Amino acid sequence: MENQFTFNIKNIRLDENYHPSDSTRITTNFANLARGESRQQNLRNALKMINNSFNALAFWDNPKADRYAVELEIISVEMDIAASGESFPSIEVLKTHIIDHQTNERIEGIVGNNFSSYVRDYDFSVLLGEHNKGQSQFSIPDDFGELHGKLFKYFVNSKAYQQHFKKLPVICLSVSDNKTYYRTENQHPVLGFEYQPNKSSLTEQYFKKMGLQVRYFMPPQSVAPLAFYFFGDLLNDYSNLELISTISTMETFQKIYRPEIYNANAVAGNCYQPNLRNQDHSLTQIVYDREERNKLAIKQGRFAEEHFIKPYQSVLEQWSASYAL
C-alpha cells in the first residue's frame, strides 16, 4: 500500500501577471485576488505591501527600507492514486524567495505559508455538516481529519518533497475569533511577543493530525498575533530573513481578508479577543468578494468528494488503515 500515491510538483511565479489554473481553489488567497477587472492592480498592490512589510521588519543595514524584495512561487502538488494515470490536485502552498539588492543574492525562503486543500474543504464544509445534520449538539466524527493528516505527512516525507525543498513547511493562519489569547513574557526579535490561547480549537486538532505544532506570535509593528504551524523548532530551524518572508507575506493576505483583526486601528493588548465585527479598522486598496469566497468552500468540498473521496474510497480506506509514519 505504500506505493499507492505518487506526487507531481509544479511551480509558477506569483506576480502581477498571474492567472489561476483550472485546478486551483478559487478561495485560495492569491487566486481570489487574481480575478475580475482589478486583478492586476490587486496583485501589484499586494506584492508592494509584502515588500514594504519585509523591509520594515528587516531594518538592519537597510536605511532606506528598500534593500529586499520578496518573490513568491505557487507550489501545486498533484497526486496520482493507485497508478491510475489520473491526478487529483492535492495541495497548494506558497514558497518565498528573498532578493537582496545590496548583495545581489537570491535567498531561499520558506515553503508552506498559505495552505490550500480540497480535501480540507470536504472535511469542514461537507463531512462535518452531514455528520451534524439533525443533531441537537455539535460533535466531530472520530476519524475527522485522519485521511487528510496522513496524506500530508506522507507527502512531506516523500522523495518528491525532499528533492524540491530543503526545509520542512511552515503554515501561517489567522487567529480564531472564538478564543482569547494572553501575551506571555517570551519575545523573539522577529516573531515578536508570544501569545497563549485559552483553549484548543478544531483547526489546531486538525493540523495536529497533519503532524504540525502551533505557536502564536505578534510580530513587531503588527496589531494582532498570527498562528504559526510547523514541525520541529520554529525559533531555531529558520533564519530571521526566512521568518520575515512568511510574516510579511501572510500578514499582508490577512490585512486584505481579515482587516477587522489585522488592519485594526488598535493593537492587541495583554488579553486579546479577535473580533470579526470590529468596526475600528482600515481597508486596503484591494478588491475582493469575501461573501463569494465563503460560499465556494462547499462547492470545492463537493468537488473533492466527487473526484477523489468517492472514486477512490476503498483504496483510501485500505491505505489509511495500513499507513503508519
Protein backbone atom coordinates (compact mmCIF):
# COMPACT_ATOMS: atom_id res chain seq x y z
CA MET A 1 0.00 0.00 0.00
CA GLU A 2 2.99 2.33 0.46
CA ASN A 3 3.23 2.95 -3.29
CA GLN A 4 -0.42 3.82 -3.84
CA PHE A 5 0.36 7.54 -4.29
CA THR A 6 2.90 9.42 -6.36
CA PHE A 7 3.30 13.18 -6.34
CA ASN A 8 3.95 15.61 -9.16
CA ILE A 9 5.12 19.07 -8.05
CA LYS A 10 4.62 22.09 -10.29
CA ASN A 11 5.56 25.70 -9.68
CA ILE A 12 4.51 29.03 -11.15
CA ARG A 13 5.55 32.57 -10.31
CA LEU A 14 3.02 34.66 -8.39
CA ASP A 15 3.35 38.15 -9.84
CA GLU A 16 1.06 40.79 -11.31
CA ASN A 17 0.60 38.66 -14.46
CA TYR A 18 -0.56 35.55 -12.60
CA HIS A 19 -3.72 33.76 -13.74
CA PRO A 20 -5.15 30.89 -11.63
CA SER A 21 -5.08 27.44 -13.20
CA ASP A 22 -8.24 25.37 -13.59
CA SER A 23 -7.22 23.14 -10.66
CA THR A 24 -6.61 26.00 -8.23
CA ARG A 25 -9.15 26.53 -5.46
CA ILE A 26 -10.74 29.90 -6.17
CA THR A 27 -10.98 30.67 -2.44
CA THR A 28 -7.20 30.46 -2.12
CA ASN A 29 -5.84 33.85 -1.07
CA PHE A 30 -3.72 34.54 -4.13
CA ALA A 31 -6.25 33.11 -6.60
CA ASN A 32 -9.07 35.19 -5.17
CA LEU A 33 -7.04 38.35 -5.78
CA ALA A 34 -6.30 37.43 -9.39
CA ARG A 35 -9.87 37.74 -10.64
CA GLY A 36 -12.05 40.45 -12.12
CA GLU A 37 -11.24 43.83 -13.59
CA SER A 38 -8.92 44.79 -10.71
CA ARG A 39 -6.87 41.58 -10.81
CA GLN A 40 -3.57 43.10 -11.94
CA GLN A 41 -3.81 46.09 -9.62
CA ASN A 42 -4.79 43.78 -6.75
CA LEU A 43 -1.71 41.65 -7.27
CA ARG A 44 0.55 44.66 -7.75
CA ASN A 45 -0.69 46.28 -4.53
CA ALA A 46 -0.45 43.07 -2.52
CA LEU A 47 3.13 42.43 -3.64
CA LYS A 48 4.07 46.00 -2.79
CA MET A 49 2.57 45.58 0.68
CA ILE A 50 4.61 42.41 1.17
CA ASN A 51 7.86 44.13 0.18
CA ASN A 52 7.19 47.14 2.40
CA SER A 53 6.39 44.86 5.34
CA PHE A 54 9.53 42.81 4.77
CA ASN A 55 11.81 45.85 4.71
CA ALA A 56 10.16 47.29 7.81
CA LEU A 57 10.97 44.10 9.74
CA ALA A 58 14.44 43.59 8.21
CA PHE A 59 15.55 47.10 9.13
CA TRP A 60 19.22 46.45 9.97
CA ASP A 61 21.68 47.63 7.29
CA ASN A 62 18.62 48.82 5.42
CA PRO A 63 18.46 52.61 5.98
CA LYS A 64 16.14 53.37 3.02
CA ALA A 65 13.89 50.37 3.66
CA ASP A 66 14.36 49.15 0.09
CA ARG A 67 17.11 46.54 0.35
CA TYR A 68 14.88 43.48 -0.06
CA ALA A 69 12.10 42.18 -2.28
CA VAL A 70 10.06 39.01 -1.92
CA GLU A 71 9.38 36.71 -4.84
CA LEU A 72 6.52 34.23 -4.47
CA GLU A 73 6.15 30.86 -6.10
CA ILE A 74 2.93 28.84 -6.13
CA ILE A 75 3.69 25.18 -5.46
CA SER A 76 0.96 22.88 -6.81
CA VAL A 77 1.03 19.24 -5.77
CA GLU A 78 -0.87 16.73 -7.88
CA MET A 79 -1.39 13.19 -6.64
CA ASP A 80 -1.70 10.07 -8.79
CA ILE A 81 -3.74 7.42 -6.99
CA ALA A 82 -3.11 3.71 -7.45
CA ALA A 83 -1.22 4.29 -10.72
CA SER A 84 -4.50 5.26 -12.35
CA GLY A 85 -2.89 7.81 -14.62
CA GLU A 86 -5.36 10.38 -13.32
CA SER A 87 -4.17 13.11 -10.99
CA PHE A 88 -6.00 14.99 -8.26
CA PRO A 89 -4.95 18.49 -7.08
CA SER A 90 -3.75 17.56 -3.61
CA ILE A 91 -2.48 20.80 -2.06
CA GLU A 92 -1.14 24.21 -2.99
CA VAL A 93 1.28 26.22 -0.89
CA LEU A 94 3.46 29.27 -1.39
CA LYS A 95 7.23 29.38 -1.37
CA THR A 96 9.10 32.59 -0.68
CA HIS A 97 12.39 33.78 -2.13
CA ILE A 98 14.22 36.85 -0.83
CA ILE A 99 16.04 39.18 -3.21
CA ASP A 100 18.85 41.13 -1.56
CA HIS A 101 19.52 44.11 -3.82
CA GLN A 102 22.66 45.03 -1.88
CA THR A 103 24.46 41.72 -2.37
CA ASN A 104 22.55 40.61 -5.49
CA GLU A 105 21.68 37.34 -3.76
CA ARG A 106 18.51 35.31 -4.19
CA ILE A 107 17.90 33.65 -0.84
CA GLU A 108 15.59 30.68 -0.48
CA GLY A 109 12.74 31.36 1.91
CA ILE A 110 10.09 29.14 3.48
CA VAL A 111 7.69 26.75 1.79
CA GLY A 112 4.17 26.48 3.20
CA ASN A 113 2.87 29.92 4.17
CA ASN A 114 -0.60 29.81 2.61
CA PHE A 115 -2.13 26.32 2.70
CA SER A 116 -4.82 25.20 0.25
CA SER A 117 -6.51 21.79 0.17
CA TYR A 118 -9.66 20.46 -1.49
CA VAL A 119 -9.79 17.57 0.99
CA ARG A 120 -9.82 20.02 3.89
CA ASP A 121 -12.80 21.73 2.19
CA TYR A 122 -14.50 18.36 2.06
CA ASP A 123 -13.84 17.66 5.74
CA PHE A 124 -15.03 21.03 7.05
CA SER A 125 -17.72 22.00 4.54
CA VAL A 126 -19.26 18.63 3.64
CA LEU A 127 -18.37 15.85 6.08
CA LEU A 128 -18.76 17.92 9.25
CA GLY A 129 -22.09 19.33 8.10
CA GLU A 130 -23.50 15.93 7.19
CA HIS A 131 -22.32 14.43 10.48
CA ASN A 132 -24.18 17.10 12.47
CA LYS A 133 -27.34 17.25 10.35
CA GLY A 134 -30.38 16.87 12.59
CA GLN A 135 -28.26 16.66 15.74
CA SER A 136 -29.09 18.79 18.77
CA GLN A 137 -25.44 19.09 19.81
CA PHE A 138 -22.37 19.69 17.66
CA SER A 139 -19.89 16.82 17.52
CA ILE A 140 -16.89 15.70 15.48
CA PRO A 141 -16.51 12.31 13.73
CA ASP A 142 -13.97 10.05 15.45
CA ASP A 143 -11.77 9.86 12.36
CA PHE A 144 -12.14 13.54 11.42
CA GLY A 145 -9.00 14.73 9.62
CA GLU A 146 -7.27 11.33 9.77
CA LEU A 147 -7.02 10.79 5.99
CA HIS A 148 -6.01 14.37 5.26
CA GLY A 149 -3.40 14.33 8.01
CA LYS A 150 -1.84 11.08 6.81
CA LEU A 151 -1.76 12.26 3.18
CA PHE A 152 0.00 15.47 4.22
CA LYS A 153 2.60 13.65 6.33
CA TYR A 154 3.13 11.15 3.54
CA PHE A 155 3.81 13.98 1.11
CA VAL A 156 6.19 15.85 3.44
CA ASN A 157 8.17 12.62 3.95
CA SER A 158 8.17 11.71 0.26
CA LYS A 159 11.17 11.77 -2.06
CA ALA A 160 9.32 14.33 -4.18
CA TYR A 161 9.20 16.80 -1.29
CA GLN A 162 12.79 16.19 -0.23
CA GLN A 163 14.07 16.65 -3.78
CA HIS A 164 12.35 20.05 -4.11
CA PHE A 165 12.65 21.60 -0.64
CA LYS A 166 15.46 21.88 1.88
CA LYS A 167 13.36 22.53 4.97
CA LEU A 168 10.03 21.46 6.40
CA PRO A 169 7.00 23.71 5.79
CA VAL A 170 5.63 26.48 7.99
CA ILE A 171 1.96 27.40 7.54
CA CYS A 172 0.68 30.76 8.80
CA LEU A 173 -3.01 31.35 9.60
CA SER A 174 -5.15 33.96 11.30
CA VAL A 175 -6.15 33.61 14.94
CA SER A 176 -9.60 32.32 15.88
CA ASP A 177 -12.31 34.79 16.83
CA ASN A 178 -13.80 32.37 19.39
CA LYS A 179 -10.71 32.18 21.58
CA THR A 180 -8.91 34.54 23.94
CA TYR A 181 -5.15 34.98 23.69
CA TYR A 182 -2.85 36.01 26.54
CA ARG A 183 0.51 37.67 25.97
CA THR A 184 3.49 35.97 27.61
CA GLU A 185 6.92 37.36 28.52
CA ASN A 186 8.56 35.36 25.72
CA GLN A 187 9.74 37.71 22.97
CA HIS A 188 11.53 36.85 19.74
CA PRO A 189 13.31 39.62 17.76
CA VAL A 190 11.38 38.85 14.56
CA LEU A 191 8.30 36.88 15.62
CA GLY A 192 7.62 39.28 18.50
CA PHE A 193 5.67 38.50 21.67
CA GLU A 194 4.27 35.02 22.09
CA TYR A 195 0.60 34.58 22.98
CA GLN A 196 -1.14 31.59 24.56
CA PRO A 197 -4.78 30.69 23.75
CA ASN A 198 -7.30 29.90 26.47
CA LYS A 199 -8.37 26.66 24.74
CA SER A 200 -7.67 24.37 21.82
CA SER A 201 -9.62 24.64 18.57
CA LEU A 202 -10.83 22.31 15.85
CA THR A 203 -8.27 23.84 13.48
CA GLU A 204 -5.46 23.09 15.94
CA GLN A 205 -6.64 19.50 16.31
CA TYR A 206 -6.91 19.15 12.52
CA PHE A 207 -3.40 20.43 11.90
CA LYS A 208 -2.06 18.27 14.74
CA LYS A 209 -3.18 15.24 12.72
CA MET A 210 -1.02 16.65 9.92
CA GLY A 211 1.92 16.43 12.33
CA LEU A 212 2.06 20.18 12.97
CA GLN A 213 2.51 22.06 16.24
CA VAL A 214 1.24 25.61 16.67
CA ARG A 215 2.57 28.74 18.39
CA TYR A 216 1.11 32.25 18.36
CA PHE A 217 3.28 35.35 17.93
CA MET A 218 2.57 39.02 17.30
CA PRO A 219 5.45 40.41 15.22
CA PRO A 220 6.77 43.96 15.74
CA GLN A 221 4.55 46.60 14.07
CA SER A 222 1.66 44.10 13.90
CA VAL A 223 -1.66 44.64 15.65
CA ALA A 224 -2.67 41.01 16.27
CA PRO A 225 -0.94 37.64 16.69
CA LEU A 226 -0.59 35.11 13.89
CA ALA A 227 -0.80 31.33 14.16
CA PHE A 228 2.35 29.52 13.01
CA TYR A 229 2.00 25.79 12.30
CA PHE A 230 5.30 23.93 11.99
CA PHE A 231 7.40 20.80 12.51
CA GLY A 232 10.47 20.81 14.72
CA ASP A 233 11.69 24.07 16.30
CA LEU A 234 10.16 27.21 14.79
CA LEU A 235 12.54 29.62 16.51
CA ASN A 236 15.79 27.82 15.68
CA ASP A 237 15.20 25.91 12.45
CA TYR A 238 14.68 29.06 10.34
CA SER A 239 16.71 32.23 9.85
CA ASN A 240 15.36 35.70 10.64
CA LEU A 241 15.00 36.50 6.94
CA GLU A 242 13.14 33.25 6.30
CA LEU A 243 10.70 34.02 9.13
CA ILE A 244 10.25 37.60 7.91
CA SER A 245 9.36 36.33 4.43
CA THR A 246 6.50 34.32 5.92
CA ILE A 247 5.33 37.11 8.24
CA SER A 248 5.31 39.78 5.54
CA THR A 249 3.53 37.53 3.03
CA MET A 250 0.84 36.10 5.26
CA GLU A 251 0.12 39.23 7.30
CA THR A 252 -0.47 41.07 4.02
CA PHE A 253 -3.07 38.48 3.00
CA GLN A 254 -4.67 38.71 6.44
CA LYS A 255 -4.87 42.51 6.21
CA ILE A 256 -6.80 42.04 2.96
CA TYR A 257 -9.11 39.22 4.13
CA ARG A 258 -9.34 39.91 7.86
CA PRO A 259 -8.98 43.71 8.13
CA GLU A 260 -11.16 43.72 11.27
CA ILE A 261 -8.33 41.85 13.02
CA TYR A 262 -5.09 42.53 11.14
CA ASN A 263 -5.73 46.06 9.92
CA ALA A 264 -7.40 47.18 13.13
CA ASN A 265 -6.60 50.65 14.45
CA ALA A 266 -5.92 49.33 17.96
CA VAL A 267 -3.09 46.97 18.91
CA ALA A 268 -3.82 43.69 20.73
CA GLY A 269 -3.18 44.00 24.45
CA ASN A 270 -2.11 41.50 27.10
CA CYS A 271 -5.51 39.81 26.87
CA TYR A 272 -6.81 39.71 23.31
CA GLN A 273 -10.12 38.54 21.83
CA PRO A 274 -10.22 38.80 17.99
CA ASN A 275 -13.43 40.33 16.70
CA LEU A 276 -14.60 39.98 13.09
CA ARG A 277 -17.29 42.61 13.77
CA ASN A 278 -14.75 45.23 14.81
CA GLN A 279 -15.66 48.49 13.05
CA ASP A 280 -12.47 50.31 14.04
CA HIS A 281 -10.29 49.10 11.19
CA SER A 282 -8.92 50.29 7.84
CA LEU A 283 -9.45 48.74 4.42
CA THR A 284 -6.68 48.09 1.92
CA GLN A 285 -6.91 49.32 -1.67
CA ILE A 286 -7.51 45.77 -2.86
CA VAL A 287 -10.83 44.49 -4.21
CA TYR A 288 -12.17 41.05 -3.37
CA ASP A 289 -15.50 39.34 -2.75
CA ARG A 290 -15.46 37.80 0.72
CA GLU A 291 -19.08 36.62 0.53
CA GLU A 292 -18.44 34.67 -2.66
CA ARG A 293 -15.26 33.28 -1.12
CA ASN A 294 -17.22 31.82 1.80
CA LYS A 295 -19.90 30.25 -0.41
CA LEU A 296 -17.40 28.49 -2.65
CA ALA A 297 -15.97 26.33 0.17
CA ILE A 298 -18.94 23.93 -0.04
CA LYS A 299 -18.68 23.74 -3.83
CA GLN A 300 -14.99 22.92 -3.53
CA GLY A 301 -15.70 20.29 -0.88
CA ARG A 302 -18.19 18.64 -3.22
CA PHE A 303 -15.53 18.66 -5.96
CA ALA A 304 -13.20 16.68 -3.68
CA GLU A 305 -16.00 14.27 -2.81
CA GLU A 306 -16.88 13.66 -6.47
CA HIS A 307 -13.37 13.41 -7.90
CA PHE A 308 -11.35 11.96 -5.01
CA ILE A 309 -13.22 10.64 -1.96
CA LYS A 310 -15.92 8.56 -3.68
CA PRO A 311 -14.00 7.21 -6.73
CA TYR A 312 -11.08 6.00 -4.58
CA GLN A 313 -12.88 5.30 -1.32
CA SER A 314 -11.81 1.65 -0.95
CA VAL A 315 -8.17 2.44 -1.86
CA LEU A 316 -8.09 5.38 0.56
CA GLU A 317 -9.62 3.36 3.41
CA GLN A 318 -7.16 0.49 2.96
CA TRP A 319 -4.18 2.83 2.70
CA SER A 320 -5.22 4.91 5.70
CA ALA A 321 -5.69 1.77 7.83
CA SER A 322 -2.22 0.48 6.92
CA TYR A 323 -0.28 3.75 6.91
CA ALA A 324 1.94 4.47 9.90
CA LEU A 325 4.76 7.00 9.97
